[in-house]
């Protein structure tokens, strides 16, 4: 995508984490919740899991930084229409600012808490697990995976890798459910 999302509001609210919080060797993550859409407990859990996921990406040779903003349906719908020319909300929008480098992470990502709540309810798991699926999905897009195509690093491989990462960080499979969806 050639357009960058509007920058998140700069503030010192409890919904903001600092880049590089994971560890020195892992890609940095800046996770913000400017609308306080998550509870403190949910946000803390999301940060913990996101830091763990970044360590998994580091073990695959990925460096860099991802900036993740948690948004609601209204903001996501506006961004979806602006950047994808598609009306309505979606789960995640990824802006890969290093599109020709699968080991350098430089990304702005929007994840929709409202859509995650709906999907989590439908799939029978918690909101944090669904949001982590969106984060991992976005980061995989930035590291060469593309679920809109078949073949090497396509949809099957991408969803399998999502399950591997989410299982490695203690969440288990999230996208694939017992019913096979």
Protein backbone atom coordinates (compact mmCIF):
# COMPACT_ATOMS: atom_id res chain seq x y z
CA UNK A 1 0.00 0.00 0.00
CA UNK A 2 1.47 3.37 -0.88
CA UNK A 3 -0.41 5.50 1.64
CA UNK A 4 0.52 5.64 5.29
CA UNK A 5 -2.27 5.72 7.88
CA UNK A 6 -2.83 8.84 9.91
CA UNK A 7 -0.29 8.86 12.71
CA UNK A 8 -1.62 7.88 16.10
CA UNK A 9 -2.15 10.62 18.64
CA UNK A 10 0.93 11.27 20.73
CA UNK A 11 0.09 10.94 24.39
CA UNK A 12 1.15 9.40 27.66
CA UNK A 13 -2.13 7.54 28.21
CA UNK A 14 -2.18 4.10 29.79
CA UNK A 15 -2.95 2.66 26.35
CA UNK A 16 0.53 3.41 25.01
CA UNK A 17 3.57 1.16 25.17
CA UNK A 18 7.06 2.15 24.20
CA UNK A 19 8.96 0.77 21.20
CA UNK A 20 11.47 -1.93 21.95
CA UNK A 21 9.67 -3.18 25.01
CA UNK A 22 10.13 -6.84 24.03
CA UNK A 23 13.90 -7.35 24.20
CA UNK A 24 17.00 -6.01 22.51
CA UNK A 25 17.13 -8.82 19.92
CA UNK A 26 13.45 -8.81 18.91
CA UNK A 27 11.84 -6.38 16.51
CA UNK A 28 10.35 -3.48 18.45
CA UNK A 29 6.62 -3.08 18.85
CA UNK A 30 4.72 0.08 19.65
CA UNK A 31 1.20 -0.91 20.65
CA UNK A 32 -1.30 1.86 21.31
CA UNK A 33 -4.95 1.95 22.30
CA UNK A 34 -5.76 5.67 22.08
CA UNK A 35 -9.51 5.10 22.43
CA UNK A 36 -9.10 2.85 25.50
CA UNK A 37 -11.02 0.10 23.71
CA UNK A 38 -9.42 -2.64 25.82
CA UNK A 39 -9.35 -3.08 29.57
CA UNK A 40 -5.99 -2.72 31.29
CA UNK A 41 -5.90 -6.49 31.77
CA UNK A 42 -6.59 -7.13 28.08
CA UNK A 43 -4.04 -4.55 26.96
CA UNK A 44 -1.38 -5.97 29.28
CA UNK A 45 -2.05 -9.49 27.97
CA UNK A 46 -1.93 -8.27 24.37
CA UNK A 47 1.42 -6.57 25.01
CA UNK A 48 2.85 -9.68 26.63
CA UNK A 49 1.77 -11.89 23.73
CA UNK A 50 2.92 -9.33 21.14
CA UNK A 51 6.37 -9.20 22.75
CA UNK A 52 6.52 -13.01 22.64
CA UNK A 53 5.49 -13.02 18.98
CA UNK A 54 8.21 -10.51 18.17
CA UNK A 55 10.77 -12.88 19.69
CA UNK A 56 9.49 -15.62 17.36
CA UNK A 57 9.94 -13.29 14.39
CA UNK A 58 13.44 -12.42 15.63
CA UNK A 59 14.33 -16.12 15.70
CA UNK A 60 13.50 -16.17 11.97
CA UNK A 61 15.93 -13.29 11.35
CA UNK A 62 13.41 -10.45 11.30
CA UNK A 63 14.51 -7.06 12.64
CA UNK A 64 12.89 -3.65 12.74
CA UNK A 65 9.70 -2.23 14.18
CA UNK A 66 5.92 -2.44 13.98
CA UNK A 67 3.53 0.22 15.16
CA UNK A 68 0.13 -1.24 16.05
CA UNK A 69 -2.96 0.88 16.75
CA UNK A 70 -6.17 -0.59 18.15
CA UNK A 71 -9.17 1.10 16.51
CA UNK A 72 -12.96 0.84 16.47
CA UNK A 73 -15.30 0.13 13.54
CA UNK A 74 -15.71 3.81 12.67
CA UNK A 75 -11.98 4.48 12.33
CA UNK A 76 -11.35 1.18 10.56
CA UNK A 77 -14.19 1.79 8.10
CA UNK A 78 -12.82 5.22 7.24
CA UNK A 79 -9.30 3.87 6.75
CA UNK A 80 -10.54 0.85 4.78
CA UNK A 81 -12.40 3.08 2.35
CA UNK A 82 -9.55 5.60 2.10
CA UNK A 83 -6.76 3.08 1.52
CA UNK A 84 -8.51 0.09 -0.08
CA UNK A 85 -11.49 1.84 -1.68
CA UNK A 86 -13.71 -0.66 0.12
CA UNK A 87 -16.61 0.50 2.27
CA UNK A 88 -17.13 -1.02 5.71
CA UNK A 89 -14.91 -2.25 8.45
CA UNK A 90 -12.30 -4.99 8.32
CA UNK A 91 -10.17 -6.84 10.84
CA UNK A 92 -6.69 -5.55 10.05
CA UNK A 93 -4.99 -3.09 7.70
CA UNK A 94 -1.25 -3.46 7.18
CA UNK A 95 0.96 -0.71 5.79
CA UNK A 96 4.28 -2.35 4.94
CA UNK A 97 6.83 0.45 4.64
CA UNK A 98 9.62 -1.96 3.64
CA UNK A 99 7.74 -4.03 1.05
CA UNK A 100 10.80 -5.35 -0.74
CA UNK A 101 12.55 -6.68 2.35
CA UNK A 102 11.10 -9.75 4.09
CA UNK A 103 13.50 -9.53 7.04
CA UNK A 104 13.20 -5.81 7.79
CA UNK A 105 10.00 -4.98 9.60
CA UNK A 106 8.78 -1.40 9.18
CA UNK A 107 5.01 -1.43 9.44
CA UNK A 108 2.03 0.56 10.58
CA UNK A 109 -0.88 -1.72 11.45
CA UNK A 110 -4.48 -1.02 12.42
CA UNK A 111 -6.40 -3.75 14.24
CA UNK A 112 -10.14 -3.45 14.85
CA UNK A 113 -11.32 -4.27 18.38
CA UNK A 114 -14.98 -4.28 17.34
CA UNK A 115 -14.44 -6.80 14.54
CA UNK A 116 -12.20 -8.85 16.83
CA UNK A 117 -14.96 -9.01 19.45
CA UNK A 118 -17.42 -10.30 16.86
CA UNK A 119 -14.98 -12.87 15.46
CA UNK A 120 -13.83 -14.03 18.89
CA UNK A 121 -17.43 -14.65 19.91
CA UNK A 122 -18.13 -16.57 16.70
CA UNK A 123 -14.94 -18.64 16.98
CA UNK A 124 -15.31 -19.29 20.71
CA UNK A 125 -12.17 -17.67 22.10
CA UNK A 126 -11.18 -14.42 23.79
CA UNK A 127 -10.64 -10.95 22.32
CA UNK A 128 -6.90 -10.91 23.02
CA UNK A 129 -6.37 -14.13 21.05
CA UNK A 130 -8.27 -12.70 18.08
CA UNK A 131 -6.31 -9.44 18.19
CA UNK A 132 -3.06 -11.43 18.34
CA UNK A 133 -4.16 -13.32 15.23
CA UNK A 134 -4.51 -9.95 13.49
CA UNK A 135 -1.08 -8.80 14.65
CA UNK A 136 0.63 -12.02 13.57
CA UNK A 137 -1.25 -11.96 10.26
CA UNK A 138 -0.09 -8.39 9.58
CA UNK A 139 3.53 -9.20 10.44
CA UNK A 140 3.47 -12.27 8.20
CA UNK A 141 2.29 -10.06 5.33
CA UNK A 142 5.37 -7.92 5.95
CA UNK A 143 7.66 -10.96 5.87
CA UNK A 144 6.62 -12.40 2.52
CA UNK A 145 3.33 -14.21 3.15
CA UNK A 146 0.24 -13.39 1.07
CA UNK A 147 -3.08 -15.08 1.79
CA UNK A 148 -4.62 -13.64 -1.37
CA UNK A 149 -2.55 -15.99 -3.54
CA UNK A 150 -1.92 -19.72 -3.72
CA UNK A 151 1.51 -21.25 -3.88
CA UNK A 152 4.65 -20.70 -1.83
CA UNK A 153 3.91 -18.57 1.22
CA UNK A 154 0.25 -18.33 0.16
CA UNK A 155 -2.94 -18.73 2.15
CA UNK A 156 -2.38 -22.30 3.35
CA UNK A 157 1.18 -21.63 4.45
CA UNK A 158 0.25 -18.30 6.01
CA UNK A 159 -2.56 -19.71 8.14
CA UNK A 160 -0.38 -22.64 9.15
CA UNK A 161 2.40 -20.25 10.21
CA UNK A 162 -0.13 -18.15 12.17
CA UNK A 163 -1.14 -21.28 14.08
CA UNK A 164 2.52 -22.18 14.72
CA UNK A 165 3.34 -18.73 16.10
CA UNK A 166 0.18 -18.41 18.18
CA UNK A 167 0.80 -21.89 19.61
CA UNK A 168 4.44 -21.01 20.35
CA UNK A 169 3.35 -17.99 22.39
CA UNK A 170 0.79 -19.99 24.36
CA UNK A 171 -2.49 -19.15 22.60
CA UNK A 172 -2.91 -22.27 20.45
CA UNK A 173 -4.68 -22.19 17.12
CA UNK A 174 -6.97 -19.20 16.69
CA UNK A 175 -7.84 -18.96 12.99
CA UNK A 176 -8.57 -22.66 12.59
CA UNK A 177 -11.24 -23.97 14.93
CA UNK A 178 -12.48 -27.46 15.73
CA UNK A 179 -15.32 -26.95 13.23
CA UNK A 180 -12.73 -26.40 10.48
CA UNK A 181 -13.45 -22.74 9.75
